[in-house]
Amino acid sequence: MSLQNVNPTRMEWQRLKKQRVTAERGYKLLKDKQDELMRRFILLVKKTAVLRETVEAELTMAMENFMLAHANTNPAFIEELFAIPAETLLVDVVEENIMSVRVPQMNFQYLNQGQQLPLKYGYLNSNYEIDEAVTYFTKVLPSLLELTENEKTCQLLAQEIQSTRRRVNALEHLTLPQLNATIREIQLKFEENERSNLTRLMKVKDLTQAKKA
């Protein structure tokens, strides 16, 4: 373990001891933060996995009905059915602070309570499959937005966990061992100096006694 390049003085020794206390406190706080981030990350990953399965199942049903409708209906008619949006959807994205990590939180609303109103398109060229596809797509939209929010949150939490882990490892395996080794080396020099001083005092005492004799 490499030592810090400092003068072996009492002042430096006291400074390094204070620095070690600060590093130990920082290590504990970062370790607690890492553990809490990991706990929330694991819970969110499990929740997201279940939600993803639900969304994929609903999207699969919607796409199956849409492909059937596309096969049985002229594509130009399908484009005409959805040429004008039936509803206006507002999405408000705000930031939420999770352990110093800013994650997105999506809030959305239909201006005309779209999910509570009948589908607003012409029925002349439509069919059952189109109705079912639109129903599934409308139903899955809230879950799809929630899935987007959760997956982005998971990504940001994973990045913060990785960054925090690097800092924790640096403190645990580099900074703290280096401080401990440097402090110990200075203490050994102090002890060596004390032994040297004691040896000189003993020699002076012996010489003094020899002269008196």
N, C-alpha and C. Protein backbone atom coordinates (compact mmCIF):
# COMPACT_ATOMS: atom_id res chain seq x y z
N MET A 1 0.83 -1.19 0.00
CA MET A 1 0.00 0.00 0.00
C MET A 1 0.87 1.25 0.00
N SER A 2 0.69 2.12 -0.99
CA SER A 2 1.48 3.35 -1.07
C SER A 2 1.05 4.31 0.04
N LEU A 3 2.01 5.08 0.52
CA LEU A 3 1.74 6.04 1.58
C LEU A 3 1.62 7.43 1.01
N GLN A 4 0.92 8.29 1.73
CA GLN A 4 0.85 9.69 1.34
C GLN A 4 2.19 10.36 1.62
N ASN A 5 2.55 11.27 0.74
CA ASN A 5 3.82 11.97 0.88
C ASN A 5 3.63 13.18 1.80
N VAL A 6 3.77 12.95 3.11
CA VAL A 6 3.58 14.01 4.09
C VAL A 6 4.76 14.01 5.06
N ASN A 7 4.93 15.14 5.72
CA ASN A 7 5.97 15.23 6.75
C ASN A 7 5.48 14.56 8.03
N PRO A 8 6.32 13.75 8.65
CA PRO A 8 5.90 13.04 9.88
C PRO A 8 5.91 13.95 11.11
N THR A 9 4.98 14.89 11.12
CA THR A 9 4.88 15.83 12.24
C THR A 9 3.57 15.60 12.99
N ARG A 10 3.49 16.17 14.17
CA ARG A 10 2.26 16.05 14.96
C ARG A 10 1.07 16.70 14.25
N MET A 11 1.33 17.82 13.61
CA MET A 11 0.26 18.53 12.92
C MET A 11 -0.29 17.68 11.77
N GLU A 12 0.58 17.09 10.98
CA GLU A 12 0.14 16.23 9.88
C GLU A 12 -0.57 14.99 10.41
N TRP A 13 -0.09 14.48 11.51
CA TRP A 13 -0.69 13.29 12.12
C TRP A 13 -2.13 13.58 12.56
N GLN A 14 -2.34 14.75 13.20
CA GLN A 14 -3.68 15.13 13.62
C GLN A 14 -4.58 15.38 12.40
N ARG A 15 -4.01 16.01 11.37
CA ARG A 15 -4.80 16.28 10.16
C ARG A 15 -5.24 14.98 9.49
N LEU A 16 -4.36 14.03 9.40
CA LEU A 16 -4.69 12.75 8.77
C LEU A 16 -5.73 11.99 9.59
N LYS A 17 -5.66 12.08 10.91
CA LYS A 17 -6.65 11.41 11.74
C LYS A 17 -8.05 12.01 11.52
N LYS A 18 -8.12 13.34 11.40
CA LYS A 18 -9.40 13.99 11.11
C LYS A 18 -9.90 13.60 9.72
N GLN A 19 -8.96 13.53 8.77
CA GLN A 19 -9.33 13.13 7.42
C GLN A 19 -9.85 11.69 7.39
N ARG A 20 -9.28 10.84 8.21
CA ARG A 20 -9.73 9.46 8.28
C ARG A 20 -11.15 9.38 8.86
N VAL A 21 -11.44 10.19 9.88
CA VAL A 21 -12.78 10.22 10.46
C VAL A 21 -13.80 10.66 9.41
N THR A 22 -13.45 11.69 8.64
CA THR A 22 -14.34 12.16 7.58
C THR A 22 -14.55 11.09 6.51
N ALA A 23 -13.46 10.41 6.13
CA ALA A 23 -13.56 9.36 5.11
C ALA A 23 -14.41 8.19 5.60
N GLU A 24 -14.27 7.82 6.86
CA GLU A 24 -15.08 6.73 7.42
C GLU A 24 -16.56 7.11 7.46
N ARG A 25 -16.85 8.36 7.81
CA ARG A 25 -18.24 8.81 7.82
C ARG A 25 -18.81 8.83 6.40
N GLY A 26 -18.02 9.33 5.46
CA GLY A 26 -18.46 9.34 4.07
C GLY A 26 -18.68 7.94 3.53
N TYR A 27 -17.80 7.02 3.92
CA TYR A 27 -17.94 5.63 3.47
C TYR A 27 -19.24 5.03 3.99
N LYS A 28 -19.56 5.29 5.26
CA LYS A 28 -20.79 4.73 5.83
C LYS A 28 -22.03 5.31 5.14
N LEU A 29 -22.02 6.64 4.89
CA LEU A 29 -23.17 7.26 4.24
C LEU A 29 -23.35 6.73 2.82
N LEU A 30 -22.24 6.60 2.09
CA LEU A 30 -22.33 6.10 0.72
C LEU A 30 -22.76 4.64 0.69
N LYS A 31 -22.28 3.85 1.66
CA LYS A 31 -22.67 2.44 1.71
C LYS A 31 -24.17 2.32 2.01
N ASP A 32 -24.67 3.14 2.94
CA ASP A 32 -26.10 3.14 3.22
C ASP A 32 -26.91 3.56 2.00
N LYS A 33 -26.41 4.58 1.30
CA LYS A 33 -27.09 5.04 0.09
C LYS A 33 -27.11 3.94 -0.97
N GLN A 34 -25.99 3.27 -1.13
CA GLN A 34 -25.92 2.17 -2.11
C GLN A 34 -26.90 1.06 -1.76
N ASP A 35 -26.97 0.70 -0.50
CA ASP A 35 -27.89 -0.37 -0.08
C ASP A 35 -29.35 0.02 -0.32
N GLU A 36 -29.70 1.28 0.00
CA GLU A 36 -31.06 1.73 -0.20
C GLU A 36 -31.41 1.82 -1.69
N LEU A 37 -30.45 2.29 -2.50
CA LEU A 37 -30.69 2.34 -3.94
C LEU A 37 -30.88 0.93 -4.50
N MET A 38 -30.09 -0.02 -4.02
CA MET A 38 -30.22 -1.40 -4.48
C MET A 38 -31.59 -1.96 -4.09
N ARG A 39 -32.04 -1.65 -2.88
CA ARG A 39 -33.35 -2.16 -2.44
C ARG A 39 -34.46 -1.62 -3.33
N ARG A 40 -34.43 -0.31 -3.57
CA ARG A 40 -35.47 0.29 -4.40
C ARG A 40 -35.36 -0.20 -5.85
N PHE A 41 -34.14 -0.37 -6.32
CA PHE A 41 -33.93 -0.82 -7.69
C PHE A 41 -34.50 -2.23 -7.90
N ILE A 42 -34.23 -3.12 -6.95
CA ILE A 42 -34.72 -4.50 -7.08
C ILE A 42 -36.25 -4.53 -7.05
N LEU A 43 -36.85 -3.77 -6.12
CA LEU A 43 -38.32 -3.73 -6.07
C LEU A 43 -38.91 -3.19 -7.37
N LEU A 44 -38.28 -2.14 -7.90
CA LEU A 44 -38.80 -1.54 -9.13
C LEU A 44 -38.61 -2.46 -10.32
N VAL A 45 -37.50 -3.19 -10.36
CA VAL A 45 -37.26 -4.13 -11.45
C VAL A 45 -38.32 -5.23 -11.45
N LYS A 46 -38.64 -5.76 -10.26
CA LYS A 46 -39.67 -6.79 -10.17
C LYS A 46 -41.02 -6.25 -10.63
N LYS A 47 -41.37 -5.05 -10.17
CA LYS A 47 -42.64 -4.44 -10.56
C LYS A 47 -42.67 -4.19 -12.07
N THR A 48 -41.55 -3.72 -12.61
CA THR A 48 -41.49 -3.43 -14.04
C THR A 48 -41.59 -4.69 -14.88
N ALA A 49 -41.02 -5.78 -14.40
CA ALA A 49 -41.08 -7.04 -15.14
C ALA A 49 -42.53 -7.52 -15.28
N VAL A 50 -43.28 -7.43 -14.19
CA VAL A 50 -44.70 -7.83 -14.23
C VAL A 50 -45.49 -6.90 -15.15
N LEU A 51 -45.22 -5.61 -15.03
CA LEU A 51 -45.94 -4.63 -15.86
C LEU A 51 -45.60 -4.83 -17.34
N ARG A 52 -44.34 -5.15 -17.64
CA ARG A 52 -43.94 -5.36 -19.03
C ARG A 52 -44.69 -6.55 -19.64
N GLU A 53 -44.84 -7.61 -18.87
CA GLU A 53 -45.58 -8.77 -19.38
C GLU A 53 -47.03 -8.39 -19.70
N THR A 54 -47.66 -7.60 -18.83
CA THR A 54 -49.04 -7.17 -19.06
C THR A 54 -49.13 -6.30 -20.32
N VAL A 55 -48.21 -5.34 -20.44
CA VAL A 55 -48.22 -4.44 -21.59
C VAL A 55 -47.97 -5.21 -22.89
N GLU A 56 -47.01 -6.12 -22.87
CA GLU A 56 -46.71 -6.89 -24.08
C GLU A 56 -47.90 -7.76 -24.49
N ALA A 57 -48.60 -8.33 -23.51
CA ALA A 57 -49.77 -9.15 -23.84
C ALA A 57 -50.86 -8.30 -24.47
N GLU A 58 -51.12 -7.12 -23.91
CA GLU A 58 -52.17 -6.25 -24.45
C GLU A 58 -51.78 -5.70 -25.82
N LEU A 59 -50.51 -5.34 -26.00
CA LEU A 59 -50.05 -4.86 -27.31
C LEU A 59 -50.12 -5.98 -28.35
N THR A 60 -49.82 -7.20 -27.94
CA THR A 60 -49.92 -8.33 -28.86
C THR A 60 -51.35 -8.52 -29.34
N MET A 61 -52.30 -8.45 -28.41
CA MET A 61 -53.70 -8.57 -28.79
C MET A 61 -54.12 -7.43 -29.72
N ALA A 62 -53.67 -6.22 -29.42
CA ALA A 62 -54.01 -5.07 -30.25
C ALA A 62 -53.44 -5.24 -31.66
N MET A 63 -52.18 -5.66 -31.75
CA MET A 63 -51.55 -5.81 -33.06
C MET A 63 -52.17 -6.96 -33.85
N GLU A 64 -52.55 -8.03 -33.16
CA GLU A 64 -53.21 -9.14 -33.87
C GLU A 64 -54.52 -8.68 -34.50
N ASN A 65 -55.32 -7.93 -33.73
CA ASN A 65 -56.57 -7.41 -34.26
C ASN A 65 -56.33 -6.39 -35.38
N PHE A 66 -55.30 -5.60 -35.20
CA PHE A 66 -55.00 -4.60 -36.23
C PHE A 66 -54.55 -5.27 -37.52
N MET A 67 -53.74 -6.33 -37.43
CA MET A 67 -53.30 -7.03 -38.64
C MET A 67 -54.47 -7.71 -39.33
N LEU A 68 -55.41 -8.27 -38.54
CA LEU A 68 -56.61 -8.86 -39.15
C LEU A 68 -57.44 -7.79 -39.85
N ALA A 69 -57.58 -6.65 -39.20
CA ALA A 69 -58.32 -5.56 -39.83
C ALA A 69 -57.63 -5.08 -41.10
N HIS A 70 -56.30 -5.02 -41.06
CA HIS A 70 -55.52 -4.58 -42.22
C HIS A 70 -55.68 -5.56 -43.37
N ALA A 71 -55.82 -6.85 -43.03
CA ALA A 71 -55.97 -7.86 -44.08
C ALA A 71 -57.36 -7.83 -44.70
N ASN A 72 -58.36 -7.43 -43.93
CA ASN A 72 -59.74 -7.47 -44.41
C ASN A 72 -60.26 -6.12 -44.89
N THR A 73 -59.48 -5.07 -44.68
CA THR A 73 -59.95 -3.73 -45.02
C THR A 73 -58.92 -3.03 -45.88
N ASN A 74 -59.38 -2.21 -46.75
CA ASN A 74 -58.48 -1.43 -47.59
C ASN A 74 -57.62 -0.52 -46.71
N PRO A 75 -56.28 -0.55 -46.84
CA PRO A 75 -55.42 0.32 -46.01
C PRO A 75 -55.78 1.79 -46.10
N ALA A 76 -56.26 2.23 -47.25
CA ALA A 76 -56.65 3.65 -47.38
C ALA A 76 -57.82 3.97 -46.46
N PHE A 77 -58.74 3.01 -46.29
CA PHE A 77 -59.86 3.23 -45.39
C PHE A 77 -59.38 3.33 -43.93
N ILE A 78 -58.39 2.49 -43.57
CA ILE A 78 -57.86 2.52 -42.20
C ILE A 78 -57.19 3.86 -41.91
N GLU A 79 -56.42 4.35 -42.88
CA GLU A 79 -55.79 5.66 -42.70
C GLU A 79 -56.85 6.75 -42.56
N GLU A 80 -57.93 6.62 -43.30
CA GLU A 80 -58.99 7.62 -43.23
C GLU A 80 -59.69 7.60 -41.87
N LEU A 81 -59.84 6.39 -41.32
CA LEU A 81 -60.50 6.28 -40.02
C LEU A 81 -59.78 7.05 -38.94
N PHE A 82 -58.44 7.04 -39.01
CA PHE A 82 -57.64 7.65 -37.95
C PHE A 82 -56.90 8.89 -38.42
N ALA A 83 -57.43 9.53 -39.47
CA ALA A 83 -56.76 10.72 -40.01
C ALA A 83 -56.79 11.86 -39.00
N ILE A 84 -57.87 11.96 -38.25
CA ILE A 84 -58.01 13.03 -37.25
C ILE A 84 -58.08 12.39 -35.87
N PRO A 85 -57.20 12.76 -34.94
CA PRO A 85 -57.24 12.18 -33.59
C PRO A 85 -58.58 12.45 -32.91
N ALA A 86 -59.10 11.42 -32.29
CA ALA A 86 -60.39 11.57 -31.60
C ALA A 86 -60.25 12.31 -30.29
N GLU A 87 -59.10 12.19 -29.66
CA GLU A 87 -58.90 12.81 -28.35
C GLU A 87 -57.55 13.50 -28.30
N THR A 88 -57.43 14.42 -27.37
CA THR A 88 -56.16 15.10 -27.10
C THR A 88 -55.63 14.62 -25.75
N LEU A 89 -54.41 14.14 -25.75
CA LEU A 89 -53.79 13.61 -24.53
C LEU A 89 -52.65 14.51 -24.11
N LEU A 90 -52.69 14.97 -22.88
CA LEU A 90 -51.64 15.80 -22.32
C LEU A 90 -50.76 14.95 -21.41
N VAL A 91 -49.44 15.05 -21.62
CA VAL A 91 -48.48 14.34 -20.78
C VAL A 91 -47.59 15.36 -20.09
N ASP A 92 -47.60 15.35 -18.79
CA ASP A 92 -46.79 16.28 -17.99
C ASP A 92 -45.67 15.49 -17.32
N VAL A 93 -44.43 15.81 -17.67
CA VAL A 93 -43.28 15.09 -17.13
C VAL A 93 -42.60 15.98 -16.09
N VAL A 94 -42.57 15.51 -14.86
CA VAL A 94 -41.90 16.22 -13.77
C VAL A 94 -40.79 15.33 -13.22
N GLU A 95 -39.93 15.91 -12.41
CA GLU A 95 -38.81 15.17 -11.84
C GLU A 95 -39.06 14.86 -10.38
N GLU A 96 -38.74 13.64 -9.99
CA GLU A 96 -38.85 13.21 -8.60
C GLU A 96 -37.45 12.87 -8.10
N ASN A 97 -37.17 13.25 -6.86
CA ASN A 97 -35.85 13.03 -6.27
C ASN A 97 -35.86 11.74 -5.46
N ILE A 98 -35.07 10.77 -5.90
CA ILE A 98 -34.91 9.51 -5.17
C ILE A 98 -33.45 9.36 -4.78
N MET A 99 -33.12 9.62 -3.54
CA MET A 99 -31.74 9.48 -3.05
C MET A 99 -30.77 10.27 -3.93
N SER A 100 -31.11 11.55 -4.20
CA SER A 100 -30.30 12.45 -5.02
C SER A 100 -30.29 12.07 -6.49
N VAL A 101 -31.20 11.19 -6.91
CA VAL A 101 -31.32 10.82 -8.32
C VAL A 101 -32.63 11.42 -8.84
N ARG A 102 -32.53 12.23 -9.87
CA ARG A 102 -33.72 12.85 -10.45
C ARG A 102 -34.30 11.92 -11.51
N VAL A 103 -35.48 11.41 -11.25
CA VAL A 103 -36.13 10.47 -12.16
C VAL A 103 -37.43 11.08 -12.67
N PRO A 104 -37.85 10.68 -13.88
CA PRO A 104 -39.07 11.27 -14.45
C PRO A 104 -40.33 10.67 -13.83
N GLN A 105 -41.33 11.50 -13.71
CA GLN A 105 -42.64 11.05 -13.27
C GLN A 105 -43.67 11.62 -14.25
N MET A 106 -44.39 10.72 -14.93
CA MET A 106 -45.30 11.13 -15.99
C MET A 106 -46.74 11.18 -15.48
N ASN A 107 -47.38 12.30 -15.72
CA ASN A 107 -48.80 12.45 -15.42
C ASN A 107 -49.52 12.80 -16.73
N PHE A 108 -50.57 12.08 -17.04
CA PHE A 108 -51.27 12.34 -18.29
C PHE A 108 -52.77 12.39 -18.04
N GLN A 109 -53.46 13.04 -18.95
CA GLN A 109 -54.91 13.13 -18.84
C GLN A 109 -55.51 13.37 -20.23
N TYR A 110 -56.71 12.83 -20.42
CA TYR A 110 -57.48 13.09 -21.63
C TYR A 110 -58.27 14.38 -21.41
N LEU A 111 -58.21 15.26 -22.38
CA LEU A 111 -58.94 16.52 -22.23
C LEU A 111 -60.44 16.29 -22.28
N ASN A 112 -60.87 15.25 -22.99
CA ASN A 112 -62.31 15.01 -23.14
C ASN A 112 -62.75 13.69 -22.53
N GLN A 113 -62.00 13.23 -21.51
CA GLN A 113 -62.33 11.95 -20.88
C GLN A 113 -62.48 10.85 -21.93
N GLY A 114 -61.43 10.72 -22.77
CA GLY A 114 -61.50 9.85 -23.94
C GLY A 114 -61.87 8.42 -23.62
N GLN A 115 -61.40 7.87 -22.50
CA GLN A 115 -61.67 6.48 -22.20
C GLN A 115 -63.12 6.25 -21.78
N GLN A 116 -63.81 7.30 -21.44
CA GLN A 116 -65.20 7.14 -21.01
C GLN A 116 -66.19 7.41 -22.14
N LEU A 117 -65.72 7.89 -23.28
CA LEU A 117 -66.58 8.21 -24.40
C LEU A 117 -66.48 7.14 -25.48
N PRO A 118 -67.52 6.97 -26.32
CA PRO A 118 -67.43 6.01 -27.42
C PRO A 118 -66.35 6.42 -28.41
N LEU A 119 -65.85 5.44 -29.16
CA LEU A 119 -64.81 5.72 -30.14
C LEU A 119 -65.33 6.66 -31.21
N LYS A 120 -64.56 7.68 -31.53
CA LYS A 120 -65.02 8.72 -32.45
C LYS A 120 -64.39 8.51 -33.83
N TYR A 121 -64.90 7.57 -34.57
CA TYR A 121 -64.51 7.44 -35.97
C TYR A 121 -65.69 6.83 -36.72
N GLY A 122 -65.66 6.97 -38.02
CA GLY A 122 -66.77 6.47 -38.82
C GLY A 122 -66.84 4.96 -38.82
N TYR A 123 -68.04 4.43 -38.82
CA TYR A 123 -68.22 2.98 -38.76
C TYR A 123 -68.51 2.36 -40.14
N LEU A 124 -68.54 3.20 -41.16
CA LEU A 124 -68.90 2.70 -42.48
C LEU A 124 -67.89 1.66 -42.98
N ASN A 125 -66.62 1.97 -42.85
CA ASN A 125 -65.58 1.08 -43.34
C ASN A 125 -64.84 0.36 -42.22
N SER A 126 -65.28 0.51 -41.01
CA SER A 126 -64.62 -0.16 -39.90
C SER A 126 -65.18 -1.55 -39.70
N ASN A 127 -64.53 -2.31 -38.82
CA ASN A 127 -65.01 -3.66 -38.52
C ASN A 127 -64.69 -3.99 -37.07
N TYR A 128 -65.04 -5.19 -36.67
CA TYR A 128 -64.86 -5.60 -35.27
C TYR A 128 -63.40 -5.58 -34.87
N GLU A 129 -62.52 -6.04 -35.78
CA GLU A 129 -61.10 -6.10 -35.45
C GLU A 129 -60.52 -4.72 -35.17
N ILE A 130 -60.95 -3.74 -35.95
CA ILE A 130 -60.47 -2.37 -35.71
C ILE A 130 -60.96 -1.87 -34.36
N ASP A 131 -62.24 -2.14 -34.06
CA ASP A 131 -62.78 -1.73 -32.75
C ASP A 131 -61.97 -2.34 -31.62
N GLU A 132 -61.67 -3.64 -31.73
CA GLU A 132 -60.91 -4.32 -30.69
C GLU A 132 -59.49 -3.77 -30.58
N ALA A 133 -58.86 -3.51 -31.73
CA ALA A 133 -57.49 -2.97 -31.71
C ALA A 133 -57.45 -1.62 -31.02
N VAL A 134 -58.40 -0.73 -31.37
CA VAL A 134 -58.45 0.60 -30.75
C VAL A 134 -58.71 0.48 -29.25
N THR A 135 -59.60 -0.45 -28.88
CA THR A 135 -59.90 -0.65 -27.46
C THR A 135 -58.66 -1.08 -26.70
N TYR A 136 -57.91 -2.03 -27.26
CA TYR A 136 -56.69 -2.50 -26.59
C TYR A 136 -55.64 -1.40 -26.52
N PHE A 137 -55.45 -0.66 -27.62
CA PHE A 137 -54.46 0.42 -27.61
C PHE A 137 -54.83 1.50 -26.60
N THR A 138 -56.11 1.83 -26.51
CA THR A 138 -56.55 2.84 -25.54
C THR A 138 -56.36 2.34 -24.11
N LYS A 139 -56.65 1.08 -23.90
CA LYS A 139 -56.54 0.50 -22.56
C LYS A 139 -55.09 0.40 -22.10
N VAL A 140 -54.19 0.10 -23.05
CA VAL A 140 -52.80 -0.16 -22.67
C VAL A 140 -52.00 1.13 -22.49
N LEU A 141 -52.51 2.25 -22.97
CA LEU A 141 -51.73 3.49 -22.94
C LEU A 141 -51.27 3.89 -21.54
N PRO A 142 -52.13 3.90 -20.51
CA PRO A 142 -51.62 4.25 -19.17
C PRO A 142 -50.52 3.32 -18.69
N SER A 143 -50.69 2.02 -18.93
CA SER A 143 -49.66 1.07 -18.50
C SER A 143 -48.38 1.26 -19.30
N LEU A 144 -48.51 1.61 -20.58
CA LEU A 144 -47.33 1.85 -21.41
C LEU A 144 -46.53 3.05 -20.93
N LEU A 145 -47.23 4.11 -20.55
CA LEU A 145 -46.54 5.29 -20.00
C LEU A 145 -45.89 4.96 -18.66
N GLU A 146 -46.58 4.19 -17.84
CA GLU A 146 -45.99 3.78 -16.56
C GLU A 146 -44.76 2.91 -16.77
N LEU A 147 -44.83 2.03 -17.76
CA LEU A 147 -43.68 1.18 -18.07
C LEU A 147 -42.49 2.02 -18.54
N THR A 148 -42.77 3.03 -19.37
CA THR A 148 -41.71 3.92 -19.82
C THR A 148 -41.06 4.65 -18.64
N GLU A 149 -41.90 5.13 -17.74
CA GLU A 149 -41.39 5.83 -16.55
C GLU A 149 -40.54 4.90 -15.69
N ASN A 150 -41.02 3.67 -15.46
CA ASN A 150 -40.30 2.73 -14.60
C ASN A 150 -38.97 2.31 -15.22
N GLU A 151 -38.96 2.06 -16.52
CA GLU A 151 -37.72 1.62 -17.14
C GLU A 151 -36.67 2.73 -17.17
N LYS A 152 -37.10 3.96 -17.38
CA LYS A 152 -36.16 5.08 -17.32
C LYS A 152 -35.64 5.26 -15.90
N THR A 153 -36.51 5.10 -14.92
CA THR A 153 -36.09 5.19 -13.52
C THR A 153 -35.08 4.10 -13.19
N CYS A 154 -35.34 2.89 -13.65
CA CYS A 154 -34.40 1.78 -13.43
C CYS A 154 -33.03 2.09 -14.04
N GLN A 155 -33.05 2.67 -15.24
CA GLN A 155 -31.79 3.01 -15.89
C GLN A 155 -31.01 4.05 -15.09
N LEU A 156 -31.68 5.09 -14.62
CA LEU A 156 -31.01 6.14 -13.85
C LEU A 156 -30.53 5.61 -12.51
N LEU A 157 -31.33 4.77 -11.85
CA LEU A 157 -30.91 4.20 -10.58
C LEU A 157 -29.70 3.29 -10.77
N ALA A 158 -29.68 2.52 -11.85
CA ALA A 158 -28.54 1.63 -12.12
C ALA A 158 -27.27 2.44 -12.33
N GLN A 159 -27.37 3.56 -13.03
CA GLN A 159 -26.20 4.42 -13.23
C GLN A 159 -25.70 4.99 -11.91
N GLU A 160 -26.64 5.43 -11.05
CA GLU A 160 -26.25 5.99 -9.76
C GLU A 160 -25.66 4.91 -8.85
N ILE A 161 -26.21 3.70 -8.90
CA ILE A 161 -25.66 2.59 -8.11
C ILE A 161 -24.23 2.29 -8.53
N GLN A 162 -23.99 2.28 -9.83
CA GLN A 162 -22.64 2.02 -10.33
C GLN A 162 -21.67 3.10 -9.90
N SER A 163 -22.11 4.37 -10.00
CA SER A 163 -21.25 5.48 -9.59
C SER A 163 -20.98 5.43 -8.08
N THR A 164 -22.01 5.14 -7.29
CA THR A 164 -21.84 5.06 -5.84
C THR A 164 -20.95 3.90 -5.46
N ARG A 165 -21.08 2.77 -6.15
CA ARG A 165 -20.24 1.61 -5.85
C ARG A 165 -18.76 1.92 -6.11
N ARG A 166 -18.48 2.66 -7.18
CA ARG A 166 -17.08 3.03 -7.46
C ARG A 166 -16.52 3.89 -6.34
N ARG A 167 -17.32 4.82 -5.84
CA ARG A 167 -16.85 5.69 -4.75
C ARG A 167 -16.66 4.90 -3.47
N VAL A 168 -17.59 3.98 -3.18
CA VAL A 168 -17.47 3.15 -1.99
C VAL A 168 -16.22 2.28 -2.07
N ASN A 169 -15.97 1.68 -3.23
CA ASN A 169 -14.79 0.83 -3.39
C ASN A 169 -13.50 1.64 -3.27
N ALA A 170 -13.51 2.87 -3.82
CA ALA A 170 -12.32 3.72 -3.73
C ALA A 170 -12.00 4.05 -2.27
N LEU A 171 -13.04 4.36 -1.49
CA LEU A 171 -12.82 4.66 -0.08
C LEU A 171 -12.37 3.42 0.69
N GLU A 172 -13.02 2.28 0.39
CA GLU A 172 -12.75 1.07 1.15
C GLU A 172 -11.38 0.47 0.83
N HIS A 173 -11.00 0.47 -0.43
CA HIS A 173 -9.79 -0.23 -0.85
C HIS A 173 -8.61 0.67 -1.16
N LEU A 174 -8.82 1.98 -1.20
CA LEU A 174 -7.70 2.88 -1.53
C LEU A 174 -7.50 3.96 -0.47
N THR A 175 -8.52 4.80 -0.29
CA THR A 175 -8.34 5.97 0.57
C THR A 175 -8.13 5.58 2.03
N LEU A 176 -9.04 4.77 2.59
CA LEU A 176 -8.91 4.40 4.00
C LEU A 176 -7.66 3.58 4.28
N PRO A 177 -7.33 2.55 3.49
CA PRO A 177 -6.07 1.83 3.75
C PRO A 177 -4.84 2.72 3.64
N GLN A 178 -4.85 3.66 2.69
CA GLN A 178 -3.73 4.57 2.55
C GLN A 178 -3.60 5.49 3.76
N LEU A 179 -4.73 6.01 4.23
CA LEU A 179 -4.69 6.85 5.43
C LEU A 179 -4.22 6.07 6.65
N ASN A 180 -4.75 4.85 6.82
CA ASN A 180 -4.34 4.03 7.97
C ASN A 180 -2.85 3.72 7.92
N ALA A 181 -2.36 3.39 6.73
CA ALA A 181 -0.94 3.06 6.60
C ALA A 181 -0.06 4.28 6.87
N THR A 182 -0.49 5.44 6.38
CA THR A 182 0.29 6.66 6.59
C THR A 182 0.31 7.05 8.06
N ILE A 183 -0.86 6.98 8.71
CA ILE A 183 -0.94 7.29 10.14
C ILE A 183 -0.07 6.33 10.94
N ARG A 184 -0.14 5.05 10.60
CA ARG A 184 0.68 4.06 11.30
C ARG A 184 2.16 4.32 11.10
N GLU A 185 2.55 4.72 9.90
CA GLU A 185 3.97 5.00 9.61
C GLU A 185 4.45 6.19 10.43
N ILE A 186 3.61 7.23 10.52
CA ILE A 186 3.99 8.40 11.32
C ILE A 186 4.11 8.02 12.79
N GLN A 187 3.19 7.19 13.29
CA GLN A 187 3.26 6.73 14.68
C GLN A 187 4.55 5.94 14.92
N LEU A 188 4.94 5.12 13.97
CA LEU A 188 6.20 4.37 14.12
C LEU A 188 7.40 5.31 14.17
N LYS A 189 7.37 6.38 13.37
CA LYS A 189 8.46 7.36 13.41
C LYS A 189 8.49 8.08 14.75
N PHE A 190 7.30 8.39 15.29
CA PHE A 190 7.24 9.00 16.62
C PHE A 190 7.88 8.08 17.65
N GLU A 191 7.49 6.80 17.60
CA GLU A 191 8.05 5.84 18.56
C GLU A 191 9.55 5.70 18.38
N GLU A 192 9.99 5.70 17.14
CA GLU A 192 11.43 5.60 16.89
C GLU A 192 12.17 6.82 17.43
N ASN A 193 11.58 8.00 17.23
CA ASN A 193 12.20 9.22 17.75
C ASN A 193 12.23 9.21 19.28
N GLU A 194 11.16 8.71 19.89
CA GLU A 194 11.13 8.63 21.35
C GLU A 194 12.21 7.68 21.86
N ARG A 195 12.39 6.56 21.18
CA ARG A 195 13.44 5.63 21.60
C ARG A 195 14.82 6.25 21.43
N SER A 196 14.99 7.00 20.33
CA SER A 196 16.28 7.66 20.11
C SER A 196 16.55 8.69 21.18
N ASN A 197 15.53 9.48 21.54
CA ASN A 197 15.69 10.49 22.58
C ASN A 197 15.99 9.83 23.93
N LEU A 198 15.29 8.73 24.19
CA LEU A 198 15.54 8.03 25.45
C LEU A 198 16.96 7.48 25.50
N THR A 199 17.42 6.96 24.36
CA THR A 199 18.80 6.43 24.30
C THR A 199 19.81 7.55 24.53
N ARG A 200 19.59 8.72 23.92
CA ARG A 200 20.51 9.85 24.12
C ARG A 200 20.51 10.32 25.57
N LEU A 201 19.32 10.37 26.17
CA LEU A 201 19.25 10.79 27.58
C LEU A 201 20.01 9.82 28.49
N MET A 202 19.88 8.53 28.18
CA MET A 202 20.59 7.54 28.98
C MET A 202 22.11 7.68 28.82
N LYS A 203 22.54 7.96 27.57
CA LYS A 203 23.98 8.14 27.35
C LYS A 203 24.49 9.39 28.05
N VAL A 204 23.69 10.46 27.98
CA VAL A 204 24.09 11.70 28.67
C VAL A 204 24.18 11.46 30.16
N LYS A 205 23.20 10.70 30.69
CA LYS A 205 23.20 10.40 32.13
C LYS A 205 24.43 9.58 32.50
N ASP A 206 24.78 8.60 31.67
CA ASP A 206 25.96 7.78 31.95
C ASP A 206 27.23 8.61 31.90
N LEU A 207 27.32 9.51 30.90
CA LEU A 207 28.52 10.36 30.81
C LEU A 207 28.62 11.29 31.99
N THR A 208 27.45 11.80 32.42
CA THR A 208 27.46 12.72 33.58
C THR A 208 27.93 11.99 34.84
N GLN A 209 27.39 10.79 35.02
CA GLN A 209 27.79 10.01 36.18
C GLN A 209 29.25 9.61 36.12
N ALA A 210 29.74 9.33 34.90
CA ALA A 210 31.15 8.95 34.73
C ALA A 210 32.06 10.14 35.10
N LYS A 211 31.67 11.33 34.67
CA LYS A 211 32.48 12.53 34.99
C LYS A 211 32.50 12.78 36.50
N LYS A 212 31.35 12.60 37.14
CA LYS A 212 31.30 12.82 38.59
C LYS A 212 32.17 11.78 39.31
N ALA A 213 32.16 10.57 38.82
CA ALA A 213 32.97 9.53 39.45
C ALA A 213 34.45 9.83 39.26
